[in-house]
Protein backbone atom coordinates (compact mmCIF):
# COMPACT_ATOMS: atom_id res chain seq x y z
CA MET A 1 -5.18 -21.21 -10.87
CA ARG A 2 -6.12 -17.69 -9.75
CA PHE A 3 -9.77 -16.98 -9.20
CA ILE A 4 -11.39 -13.72 -8.14
CA ALA A 5 -15.14 -13.24 -7.86
CA ALA A 6 -16.33 -9.79 -6.80
CA THR A 7 -19.10 -11.20 -4.57
CA GLY A 8 -17.32 -11.60 -1.21
CA ASN A 9 -16.20 -9.69 1.84
CA LYS A 10 -13.30 -9.67 4.30
CA GLU A 11 -14.60 -12.87 5.92
CA ASN A 12 -14.59 -14.74 2.64
CA ASP A 13 -13.09 -12.64 -0.18
CA ASN A 14 -13.71 -15.18 -2.98
CA CYS A 15 -10.07 -14.78 -4.05
CA ILE A 16 -7.98 -17.93 -4.37
CA PHE A 17 -4.61 -19.03 -5.68
CA ILE A 18 -3.56 -22.65 -6.02
CA SER A 19 -0.32 -23.93 -7.49
CA ASN A 20 1.43 -27.27 -7.84
CA ASN A 21 4.66 -25.72 -9.11
CA TYR A 22 7.88 -25.67 -7.15
CA GLY A 23 9.28 -22.23 -6.62
CA LEU A 24 7.99 -19.04 -5.06
CA TYR A 25 4.71 -20.49 -3.84
CA GLY A 26 5.95 -23.96 -2.92
CA LYS A 27 4.16 -27.17 -3.81
CA LYS A 28 0.84 -28.08 -2.24
CA LEU A 29 1.00 -31.85 -2.37
CA SER A 30 -2.51 -32.22 -0.96
CA ASN A 31 -3.85 -30.57 -4.11
CA TYR A 32 -1.85 -32.58 -6.59
CA ARG A 33 -4.46 -35.32 -7.02
CA GLN A 34 -7.29 -32.84 -7.51
CA LEU A 35 -5.38 -30.57 -9.89
CA THR A 36 -4.60 -33.50 -12.17
CA SER A 37 -8.07 -35.03 -11.92
CA ASP A 38 -10.88 -35.28 -14.45
CA THR A 39 -12.64 -32.58 -12.47
CA ALA A 40 -9.72 -30.22 -13.14
CA TYR A 41 -9.91 -30.88 -16.84
CA GLU A 42 -13.64 -30.32 -16.77
CA LEU A 43 -13.05 -26.96 -15.06
CA ILE A 44 -10.51 -26.05 -17.74
CA GLU A 45 -13.06 -26.81 -20.43
CA GLU A 46 -15.74 -24.69 -18.75
CA VAL A 47 -13.40 -21.74 -18.27
CA THR A 48 -11.78 -21.86 -21.74
CA ALA A 49 -15.25 -21.82 -23.29
CA LEU A 50 -15.86 -18.40 -21.83
CA PRO A 51 -15.26 -15.31 -23.92
CA ASP A 52 -11.99 -13.55 -23.02
CA VAL A 53 -14.10 -10.59 -21.85
CA TYR A 54 -17.64 -11.22 -20.70
CA GLY A 55 -19.88 -8.11 -20.59
CA ASP A 56 -18.88 -4.51 -21.06
CA GLU A 57 -15.65 -3.25 -19.44
CA SER A 58 -17.42 -0.02 -18.50
CA GLU A 59 -19.59 -2.04 -16.09
CA PRO A 60 -18.48 -3.08 -12.57
CA PHE A 61 -15.78 -5.76 -12.36
CA ALA A 62 -17.34 -9.19 -11.77
CA TYR A 63 -14.62 -11.85 -12.03
CA TYR A 64 -11.16 -12.75 -13.16
CA ILE A 65 -9.96 -16.29 -13.80
CA SER A 66 -6.44 -17.21 -14.78
CA LEU A 67 -5.34 -20.74 -15.59
CA ASP A 68 -1.80 -21.90 -16.37
CA TYR A 69 -1.71 -25.60 -17.23
CA TYR A 70 -0.36 -28.34 -19.46
CA ASP A 71 -2.95 -29.88 -21.74
CA LYS A 72 -3.21 -33.59 -22.50
CA ASN A 73 -0.62 -33.14 -25.27
CA LYS A 74 1.81 -31.54 -22.74
CA ASN A 75 1.51 -28.10 -24.32
CA TYR A 76 1.74 -25.20 -21.87
CA VAL A 77 -1.36 -23.03 -22.00
CA GLU A 78 -2.19 -19.71 -20.35
CA VAL A 79 -5.77 -18.53 -20.10
CA ASP A 80 -7.09 -15.22 -18.74
CA LYS A 81 -10.83 -14.50 -18.54
CA TYR A 82 -12.48 -11.30 -17.36
CA GLY A 83 -16.10 -10.56 -16.54
CA TYR A 84 -17.95 -7.28 -16.08
CA GLY A 85 -21.48 -6.45 -15.01
CA GLY A 86 -22.62 -10.08 -14.49
CA PHE A 87 -21.80 -13.76 -14.76
CA PRO A 88 -22.11 -16.32 -17.56
CA ASP A 89 -24.76 -19.04 -17.66
CA ASN A 90 -22.28 -21.70 -16.56
CA TRP A 91 -21.10 -19.74 -13.49
CA ILE A 92 -22.65 -22.10 -10.93
CA LYS A 93 -20.94 -25.00 -12.67
CA ILE A 94 -17.59 -23.17 -12.65
CA VAL A 95 -17.88 -22.37 -8.90
CA GLU A 96 -18.86 -26.00 -8.13
CA LEU A 97 -15.88 -27.40 -10.02
CA THR A 98 -13.47 -24.85 -8.55
CA ASN A 99 -14.59 -25.71 -4.99
CA SER A 100 -14.13 -29.41 -5.78
CA VAL A 101 -10.63 -28.84 -7.17
CA ALA A 102 -9.57 -26.58 -4.34
CA GLU A 103 -10.67 -29.08 -1.67
CA LYS A 104 -10.14 -27.60 1.79
CA GLU A 105 -7.08 -25.47 1.02
CA ILE A 106 -9.12 -22.27 0.80
CA GLU A 107 -12.35 -20.65 1.86
CA ARG A 108 -15.14 -22.00 -0.30
CA LEU A 109 -16.28 -19.84 -3.17
CA THR A 110 -19.84 -18.67 -2.72
CA TYR A 111 -22.50 -19.04 -5.39
CA SER A 112 -23.57 -15.39 -5.02
CA THR A 113 -23.85 -13.31 -8.17
CA ASP A 114 -24.38 -10.01 -6.30
CA ILE A 115 -21.45 -7.84 -7.36
CA VAL A 116 -19.94 -5.79 -4.57
CA GLU A 117 -20.17 -2.05 -5.09
CA ILE A 118 -16.98 -0.21 -4.12
CA ASN A 119 -18.10 2.93 -2.33
CA GLY A 120 -17.68 4.90 0.88
CA ASP A 121 -20.01 2.67 2.84
CA LEU A 122 -17.92 -0.42 1.94
CA LEU A 123 -14.63 1.30 2.87
CA ARG A 124 -16.08 2.37 6.20
CA LYS A 125 -17.50 -1.03 7.05
CA GLU A 126 -14.84 -3.37 5.70
CA PHE A 127 -11.65 -1.33 6.08
CA GLY A 128 -12.40 1.10 8.91
CA ILE A 129 -11.71 4.29 6.93
CA THR A 130 -13.21 7.42 8.55
CA ASP A 131 -13.53 11.05 7.54
CA GLU A 132 -11.13 11.93 10.34
CA MET A 133 -8.30 10.03 8.62
CA LEU A 134 -8.64 12.17 5.51
CA PRO A 135 -7.82 15.81 4.70
CA LYS A 136 -10.23 18.35 6.12
CA GLY A 137 -13.38 18.51 4.01
CA VAL A 138 -12.73 15.16 2.31
CA THR A 139 -15.24 12.42 3.06
CA VAL A 140 -14.79 8.68 2.69
CA ASP A 141 -17.21 8.85 -0.26
CA LYS A 142 -14.96 11.40 -1.93
CA PHE A 143 -11.90 9.22 -1.14
CA ALA A 144 -13.62 6.24 -2.81
CA GLU A 145 -14.45 8.37 -5.87
CA ASP A 146 -10.92 9.79 -6.18
CA THR A 147 -9.04 6.54 -5.69
CA ASN A 148 -11.42 4.43 -7.80
CA TYR A 149 -10.26 1.22 -6.17
CA THR A 150 -11.53 -2.00 -7.69
CA TYR A 151 -12.55 -5.21 -6.00
CA ARG A 152 -9.16 -6.67 -6.95
CA ASP A 153 -7.33 -3.74 -5.33
CA LEU A 154 -9.15 -4.28 -2.06
CA TYR A 155 -9.47 -8.04 -1.77
CA GLU A 156 -6.95 -9.92 -3.96
CA SER A 157 -4.16 -9.23 -1.47
CA TYR A 158 -3.87 -7.49 1.86
CA PHE A 159 -5.19 -3.91 1.65
CA ASN A 160 -3.11 -1.81 4.05
CA THR A 161 -5.51 0.94 5.02
CA GLN A 162 -2.91 3.11 6.71
CA TYR A 163 -0.56 2.94 3.71
CA TYR A 164 -3.18 3.90 1.14
CA VAL A 165 -4.80 6.64 3.25
CA SER A 166 -1.36 8.10 3.99
CA ASN A 167 -0.47 8.09 0.27
CA TYR A 168 -3.76 9.75 -0.60
CA CYS A 169 -3.12 12.55 1.93
CA TYR A 170 0.44 12.98 0.60
CA ASP A 171 -0.87 13.47 -2.93
CA TYR A 172 -3.84 15.59 -1.85
CA TYR A 173 -1.64 18.16 -0.13
CA ASP A 174 1.03 17.89 -2.86
CA PHE A 175 3.59 17.07 -0.15
CA ALA A 176 6.39 16.93 -2.71
CA GLN A 177 6.51 20.70 -2.26
CA TYR A 178 7.44 20.16 1.40
CA LYS A 179 10.28 17.73 0.57
CA ILE A 180 13.84 18.25 -0.59
CA THR A 181 15.56 16.87 -3.66
CA LYS A 182 19.21 16.66 -4.65
CA ASP A 183 18.81 20.10 -6.28
CA SER A 184 17.15 21.87 -3.32
CA VAL A 185 18.91 25.00 -2.12
CA ALA A 186 18.84 26.08 1.52
CA ALA A 187 18.01 29.61 2.61
CA ALA A 188 20.28 31.21 5.19
CA SER A 189 19.32 31.03 8.85
CA ASP A 190 20.96 31.26 12.28
CA SER A 191 20.59 29.80 15.78
CA LYS A 192 18.24 32.59 16.84
CA ALA A 193 15.90 31.97 13.90
CA LEU A 194 16.02 28.25 14.69
CA LYS A 195 14.82 28.87 18.23
CA GLU A 196 12.11 31.24 17.07
CA TYR A 197 10.84 28.60 14.63
CA ALA A 198 11.13 25.47 16.80
CA GLU A 199 10.11 26.53 20.29
CA PRO A 200 6.48 27.51 19.53
CA ARG A 201 5.93 24.33 17.54
CA LEU A 202 7.38 21.74 19.93
CA ASP A 203 5.51 20.74 23.07
CA ASP A 204 8.60 19.56 24.93
CA ILE A 205 12.23 20.26 23.94
CA THR A 206 14.62 17.46 24.86
CA SER A 207 17.89 18.74 23.36
CA GLU A 208 19.14 21.69 21.34
CA SER A 209 22.24 23.05 19.65
CA ASP A 210 23.07 25.86 17.27
CA ILE A 211 22.04 23.72 14.29
CA SER A 212 19.14 21.55 15.52
CA ILE A 213 16.46 21.29 18.20
CA ILE A 214 14.78 18.03 19.18
CA GLY A 215 11.40 17.83 20.87
CA LYS A 216 8.04 16.13 21.06
CA VAL A 217 4.78 17.00 19.37
CA SER A 218 1.76 14.90 20.28
CA GLY A 219 4.11 12.14 21.50
CA GLN A 220 6.13 12.09 18.25
CA TYR A 221 9.81 13.18 18.25
CA PHE A 222 10.61 15.90 15.72
CA GLU A 223 14.05 17.27 14.98
CA ILE A 224 14.20 20.75 13.50
CA VAL A 225 17.47 21.25 11.60
CA ARG A 226 18.85 24.35 9.94
CA PHE A 227 18.85 23.48 6.24
CA ASP A 228 22.00 25.55 5.66
CA CYS A 229 23.73 23.27 8.23
CA PHE A 230 22.40 19.97 6.80
CA ASP A 231 25.83 18.72 5.74
CA GLU A 232 27.21 19.43 9.23
CA TRP A 233 24.19 17.68 10.78
CA LYS A 234 24.71 14.59 8.58
CA THR A 235 28.35 14.41 9.66
CA LEU A 236 27.44 14.66 13.35
CA ASN A 237 24.83 11.92 12.90
CA ASP A 238 27.12 9.68 10.87
CA ILE A 239 24.85 9.84 7.82
CA SER A 240 26.52 9.56 4.44
CA GLU A 241 25.24 10.49 1.01
CA TYR A 242 24.54 6.75 0.44
CA ASP A 243 22.02 6.92 3.31
CA LEU A 244 19.90 9.42 1.43
CA MET A 245 17.13 7.48 -0.28
CA THR A 246 15.59 8.86 -3.43
CA ASN A 247 11.80 8.31 -3.59
CA ASP A 248 9.74 7.80 -6.77
CA ASP A 249 8.98 11.54 -6.91
CA GLN A 250 12.73 12.30 -6.61
CA THR A 251 12.36 13.59 -3.04
CA LEU A 252 14.87 12.50 -0.37
CA ASP A 253 14.54 10.64 2.93
CA ILE A 254 17.03 8.81 5.09
CA SER A 255 17.32 5.00 5.26
CA ARG A 256 20.35 3.21 6.61
CA THR A 257 21.25 -0.09 8.13
CA VAL A 258 22.30 0.11 11.79
CA ILE A 259 23.35 -2.31 14.49
CA LEU A 260 20.65 -2.67 17.15
CA GLN A 261 21.39 -3.02 20.85
CA GLN A 262 21.04 -6.78 20.59
CA GLU A 263 24.41 -8.16 19.59
CA GLY A 264 24.57 -9.10 15.92
CA MET A 265 21.15 -7.76 15.10
CA LEU A 266 20.72 -5.34 12.21
CA GLY A 267 17.88 -2.85 11.79
CA THR A 268 16.89 0.09 9.61
CA ASP A 269 17.10 3.69 10.68
CA SER A 270 14.38 5.41 8.64
CA ARG A 271 13.77 9.16 8.82
CA LEU A 272 11.45 11.32 6.81
CA ILE A 273 12.69 14.76 5.78
CA PHE A 274 10.39 17.75 5.24
CA VAL A 275 11.25 21.38 4.61
CA ASP A 276 9.40 24.49 5.76
CA PRO A 277 8.03 26.84 3.06
CA THR A 278 10.89 29.29 3.53
CA SER A 279 13.55 26.58 2.90
CA ARG A 280 15.31 27.54 6.14
CA PHE A 281 14.49 24.51 8.29
CA LEU A 282 14.17 20.75 7.85
CA ILE A 283 11.66 18.79 9.93
CA ILE A 284 13.03 15.29 10.43
CA ILE A 285 10.86 12.47 11.85
CA SER A 286 12.13 9.01 12.83
CA GLY A 287 10.21 5.79 12.42
CA ALA A 288 7.00 7.24 10.97
CA THR A 289 5.96 4.41 8.65
CA TYR A 290 2.58 5.94 7.79
CA PRO A 291 2.80 9.64 8.65
CA ASP A 292 -0.21 11.65 9.64
CA TYR A 293 -0.02 14.09 6.76
CA ASN A 294 -3.01 16.07 8.04
CA PHE A 295 -1.07 16.88 11.19
CA LEU A 296 2.16 17.47 9.32
CA TYR A 297 0.48 19.87 6.86
CA ASP A 298 -0.77 21.95 9.78
CA PHE A 299 2.59 21.77 11.56
CA ILE A 300 4.56 22.90 8.53
CA ASN A 301 2.18 25.66 7.66
CA SER A 302 1.63 27.00 11.15
């Protein structure tokens, strides 16, 4: 059983999943008695009596109930019910039966019928999103409007704020234009041009050569590499073509398995690759899981 009611919050999200099947989710033996009880069959009857879609789909999402079960004749049945704009007359009964079936495995479903409005105020309060995280001039209210997240997006599973904000900024700035693909062509440069580009942009230079310069910017290590020497740089850093990862938008980054200092331990060396607008230099950043694209946009375009 999967049950989502858009009336909760982060303390009690009103989203539950209960299964007695072996496999991915394991078997919750403590629920077996309840999920094969008369109460469970009564819940099935209440839910199956609902229309497949209650209300108008143009209205705010209210609930989703999914049941997979074997009926008394051992036939496998799948039921999906959606509600929009409000709740059916038997809603209190459905919540009561669900709480009884679920026992103490989950947070209790509330009896509230106040549908949560997904807006900037909610994203600020529940998920800590601020205007400062977003591109200049974009407010949290605008972010909420652009992304159009639903209650299910936010509450059914863990909503990683950093991940989604970072992706929004990537798309907002059209960062694909600052990435390379397999077909990208480097513009010619030299060691003098490399110095002229890197030195004003890096706060503290830690190493340099004719093809790359490494330094810190706001505590983050950046490596500026001559794009026309990228093949040489890959050889020097023991990076093969197999270590170049193709993203969904066909841009390239680096991801390879490495041996960590601890004996026998494996880890991942992840590096993001960006290119300056002239196609002369690559900006390579290590370990930036959720990059600050606001900062990177300014850095690349400075």
